């Protein structure tokens, strides 16, 4: 069974009709459901997505996010070890726009042997992951 990590950019694009990745995000979520993919994300991504969706799209969109999207995912809870690994990766990269959340996401994906992601973030591609 295919495992796919869902990034903030994937969650957000699914909900925002004006996002350039919107149609592709919707297609991928529906494909995941029809083909039985295992979707995973982290509590850091849930936190980041919630804040972004609330600020840009409002509370109704937050409820859609929680009730329709997050429930489709297995949420990996970031512990001290994963946080430290992500922090070390971010500090080593020293890229202004590469977030701690992205770096922790990469560590989660490596730990889960997950090569695919659902999102529109060049940092994932640069790190060697593939859009599903």
C-alpha atoms as a PDB file:
ATOM      1  CA  UNK A   1       0.000   0.000   0.000  1.00  0.00           C
ATOM      2  CA  UNK A   2       1.260   3.463  -0.914  1.00  0.00           C
ATOM      3  CA  UNK A   3       2.122   5.835   1.952  1.00  0.00           C
ATOM      4  CA  UNK A   4       1.866   9.574   1.293  1.00  0.00           C
ATOM      5  CA  UNK A   5       2.746  12.426   3.644  1.00  0.00           C
ATOM      6  CA  UNK A   6       0.333  15.369   3.551  1.00  0.00           C
ATOM      7  CA  UNK A   7       1.990  18.769   3.848  1.00  0.00           C
ATOM      8  CA  UNK A   8       0.382  22.069   4.860  1.00  0.00           C
ATOM      9  CA  UNK A   9       0.448  23.157   1.219  1.00  0.00           C
ATOM     10  CA  UNK A  10      -1.683  20.145   0.290  1.00  0.00           C
ATOM     11  CA  UNK A  11      -4.261  20.716   3.015  1.00  0.00           C
ATOM     12  CA  UNK A  12      -4.456  24.418   2.241  1.00  0.00           C
ATOM     13  CA  UNK A  13      -4.722  23.992  -1.536  1.00  0.00           C
ATOM     14  CA  UNK A  14      -7.567  21.490  -1.113  1.00  0.00           C
ATOM     15  CA  UNK A  15      -9.589  24.145   0.718  1.00  0.00           C
ATOM     16  CA  UNK A  16      -8.679  27.301  -1.221  1.00  0.00           C
ATOM     17  CA  UNK A  17     -10.237  27.422  -4.695  1.00  0.00           C
ATOM     18  CA  UNK A  18      -7.892  30.280  -5.602  1.00  0.00           C
ATOM     19  CA  UNK A  19      -4.737  28.281  -4.857  1.00  0.00           C
ATOM     20  CA  UNK A  20      -2.814  27.216  -7.970  1.00  0.00           C
ATOM     21  CA  UNK A  21      -2.517  23.646  -6.627  1.00  0.00           C
ATOM     22  CA  UNK A  22      -6.221  23.380  -5.699  1.00  0.00           C
ATOM     23  CA  UNK A  23      -7.381  21.081  -8.522  1.00  0.00           C
ATOM     24  CA  UNK A  24      -4.365  18.794  -8.139  1.00  0.00           C
ATOM     25  CA  UNK A  25      -4.736  18.604  -4.345  1.00  0.00           C
ATOM     26  CA  UNK A  26      -8.389  17.619  -4.674  1.00  0.00           C
ATOM     27  CA  UNK A  27      -7.551  15.043  -7.344  1.00  0.00           C
ATOM     28  CA  UNK A  28      -4.821  13.511  -5.163  1.00  0.00           C
ATOM     29  CA  UNK A  29      -6.993  13.344  -2.030  1.00  0.00           C
ATOM     30  CA  UNK A  30      -9.756  11.622  -3.994  1.00  0.00           C
ATOM     31  CA  UNK A  31      -7.243   9.277  -5.646  1.00  0.00           C
ATOM     32  CA  UNK A  32      -5.837   8.440  -2.209  1.00  0.00           C
ATOM     33  CA  UNK A  33      -9.306   7.527  -1.024  1.00  0.00           C
ATOM     34  CA  UNK A  34     -10.200   5.444  -4.071  1.00  0.00           C
ATOM     35  CA  UNK A  35      -6.855   3.596  -4.136  1.00  0.00           C
ATOM     36  CA  UNK A  36      -6.543   3.130  -0.370  1.00  0.00           C
ATOM     37  CA  UNK A  37      -3.347   5.087   0.172  1.00  0.00           C
ATOM     38  CA  UNK A  38      -2.117   5.490   3.724  1.00  0.00           C
ATOM     39  CA  UNK A  39      -2.049   9.231   4.370  1.00  0.00           C
ATOM     40  CA  UNK A  40       0.081  10.528   7.181  1.00  0.00           C
ATOM     41  CA  UNK A  41       1.009  13.903   8.550  1.00  0.00           C
ATOM     42  CA  UNK A  42       2.428  15.250  11.800  1.00  0.00           C
ATOM     43  CA  UNK A  43       0.982  17.257  14.643  1.00  0.00           C
ATOM     44  CA  UNK A  44       3.361  20.055  13.588  1.00  0.00           C
ATOM     45  CA  UNK A  45       1.711  20.148  10.143  1.00  0.00           C
ATOM     46  CA  UNK A  46      -1.750  20.071  11.736  1.00  0.00           C
ATOM     47  CA  UNK A  47      -0.775  23.044  13.907  1.00  0.00           C
ATOM     48  CA  UNK A  48       0.757  24.986  11.017  1.00  0.00           C
ATOM     49  CA  UNK A  49      -2.174  24.227   8.704  1.00  0.00           C
ATOM     50  CA  UNK A  50      -4.775  25.197  11.301  1.00  0.00           C
ATOM     51  CA  UNK A  51      -3.125  28.582  11.836  1.00  0.00           C
ATOM     52  CA  UNK A  52      -2.819  29.273   8.099  1.00  0.00           C
ATOM     53  CA  UNK A  53      -6.359  28.152   7.271  1.00  0.00           C
ATOM     54  CA  UNK A  54      -7.850  30.115  10.178  1.00  0.00           C
ATOM     55  CA  UNK A  55      -6.010  33.307   9.213  1.00  0.00           C
ATOM     56  CA  UNK A  56      -6.691  33.141   5.477  1.00  0.00           C
ATOM     57  CA  UNK A  57      -9.952  31.215   5.054  1.00  0.00           C
ATOM     58  CA  UNK A  58     -11.762  31.446   8.404  1.00  0.00           C
ATOM     59  CA  UNK A  59     -13.351  29.121  10.929  1.00  0.00           C
ATOM     60  CA  UNK A  60     -15.644  27.239   8.553  1.00  0.00           C
ATOM     61  CA  UNK A  61     -12.590  26.170   6.583  1.00  0.00           C
ATOM     62  CA  UNK A  62     -10.851  25.093   9.822  1.00  0.00           C
ATOM     63  CA  UNK A  63     -13.832  22.860  10.593  1.00  0.00           C
ATOM     64  CA  UNK A  64     -13.677  21.384   7.066  1.00  0.00           C
ATOM     65  CA  UNK A  65      -9.941  20.801   7.549  1.00  0.00           C
ATOM     66  CA  UNK A  66     -10.474  18.996  10.843  1.00  0.00           C
ATOM     67  CA  UNK A  67     -13.593  17.037   9.910  1.00  0.00           C
ATOM     68  CA  UNK A  68     -12.814  16.130   6.294  1.00  0.00           C
ATOM     69  CA  UNK A  69      -9.048  16.100   5.839  1.00  0.00           C
ATOM     70  CA  UNK A  70      -7.190  15.433   9.079  1.00  0.00           C
ATOM     71  CA  UNK A  71      -9.428  12.458   9.842  1.00  0.00           C
ATOM     72  CA  UNK A  72      -8.149  10.785   6.650  1.00  0.00           C
ATOM     73  CA  UNK A  73      -4.580  10.864   7.994  1.00  0.00           C
ATOM     74  CA  UNK A  74      -2.595   9.035  10.603  1.00  0.00           C
ATOM     75  CA  UNK A  75      -1.051  11.839  12.657  1.00  0.00           C
ATOM     76  CA  UNK A  76       2.511  11.184  13.776  1.00  0.00           C
ATOM     77  CA  UNK A  77       3.142  12.984  17.050  1.00  0.00           C
ATOM     78  CA  UNK A  78       6.536  14.652  17.109  1.00  0.00           C
ATOM     79  CA  UNK A  79       8.591  13.642  20.110  1.00  0.00           C
ATOM     80  CA  UNK A  80      11.816  15.135  21.425  1.00  0.00           C
ATOM     81  CA  UNK A  81      13.936  12.963  19.123  1.00  0.00           C
ATOM     82  CA  UNK A  82      12.080  13.958  15.936  1.00  0.00           C
ATOM     83  CA  UNK A  83      12.114  17.593  16.976  1.00  0.00           C
ATOM     84  CA  UNK A  84      15.880  17.454  17.525  1.00  0.00           C
ATOM     85  CA  UNK A  85      16.469  15.735  14.166  1.00  0.00           C
ATOM     86  CA  UNK A  86      14.353  18.322  12.350  1.00  0.00           C
ATOM     87  CA  UNK A  87      16.067  21.154  14.182  1.00  0.00           C
ATOM     88  CA  UNK A  88      19.507  19.811  13.280  1.00  0.00           C
ATOM     89  CA  UNK A  89      18.464  19.494   9.625  1.00  0.00           C
ATOM     90  CA  UNK A  90      17.134  23.065   9.564  1.00  0.00           C
ATOM     91  CA  UNK A  91      20.224  24.474  11.236  1.00  0.00           C
ATOM     92  CA  UNK A  92      22.510  22.606   8.858  1.00  0.00           C
ATOM     93  CA  UNK A  93      20.584  23.808   5.784  1.00  0.00           C
ATOM     94  CA  UNK A  94      20.426  27.441   6.992  1.00  0.00           C
ATOM     95  CA  UNK A  95      17.854  28.292   4.310  1.00  0.00           C
ATOM     96  CA  UNK A  96      15.749  31.319   5.110  1.00  0.00           C
ATOM     97  CA  UNK A  97      12.457  29.857   3.851  1.00  0.00           C
ATOM     98  CA  UNK A  98      12.978  26.227   4.947  1.00  0.00           C
ATOM     99  CA  UNK A  99      10.866  25.814   8.081  1.00  0.00           C
ATOM    100  CA  UNK A 100      11.364  23.643  11.129  1.00  0.00           C
ATOM    101  CA  UNK A 101       8.015  22.027  10.293  1.00  0.00           C
ATOM    102  CA  UNK A 102       9.283  21.028   6.841  1.00  0.00           C
ATOM    103  CA  UNK A 103      12.484  19.606   8.293  1.00  0.00           C
ATOM    104  CA  UNK A 104      10.574  17.632  10.906  1.00  0.00           C
ATOM    105  CA  UNK A 105       8.272  16.416   8.113  1.00  0.00           C
ATOM    106  CA  UNK A 106      11.306  15.089   6.219  1.00  0.00           C
ATOM    107  CA  UNK A 107      12.430  13.215   9.325  1.00  0.00           C
ATOM    108  CA  UNK A 108       8.945  11.741   9.805  1.00  0.00           C
ATOM    109  CA  UNK A 109       8.914  10.636   6.169  1.00  0.00           C
ATOM    110  CA  UNK A 110      12.348   9.037   6.446  1.00  0.00           C
ATOM    111  CA  UNK A 111      11.318   7.240   9.636  1.00  0.00           C
ATOM    112  CA  UNK A 112       8.180   5.928   7.938  1.00  0.00           C
ATOM    113  CA  UNK A 113      10.027   4.989   4.698  1.00  0.00           C
ATOM    114  CA  UNK A 114       7.657   7.336   2.876  1.00  0.00           C
ATOM    115  CA  UNK A 115       8.904   8.771  -0.427  1.00  0.00           C
ATOM    116  CA  UNK A 116       5.728  10.512  -1.575  1.00  0.00           C
ATOM    117  CA  UNK A 117       4.013  13.690  -0.437  1.00  0.00           C
ATOM    118  CA  UNK A 118       0.814  15.539  -1.199  1.00  0.00           C
ATOM    119  CA  UNK A 119       1.621  19.208  -1.456  1.00  0.00           C
ATOM    120  CA  UNK A 120       3.127  22.002  -3.478  1.00  0.00           C
ATOM    121  CA  UNK A 121       6.383  22.786  -1.686  1.00  0.00           C
ATOM    122  CA  UNK A 122       9.681  22.893  -3.549  1.00  0.00           C
ATOM    123  CA  UNK A 123      11.580  22.017  -0.366  1.00  0.00           C
ATOM    124  CA  UNK A 124      10.126  18.499  -0.462  1.00  0.00           C
ATOM    125  CA  UNK A 125      11.236  18.044  -4.080  1.00  0.00           C
ATOM    126  CA  UNK A 126      14.682  19.429  -3.271  1.00  0.00           C
ATOM    127  CA  UNK A 127      14.947  16.920  -0.397  1.00  0.00           C
ATOM    128  CA  UNK A 128      14.258  14.080  -2.842  1.00  0.00           C
ATOM    129  CA  UNK A 129      10.579  13.390  -2.183  1.00  0.00           C
ATOM    130  CA  UNK A 130       8.036  12.926  -4.965  1.00  0.00           C
ATOM    131  CA  UNK A 131       4.611  14.509  -5.408  1.00  0.00           C
ATOM    132  CA  UNK A 132       2.093  11.686  -5.598  1.00  0.00           C
END
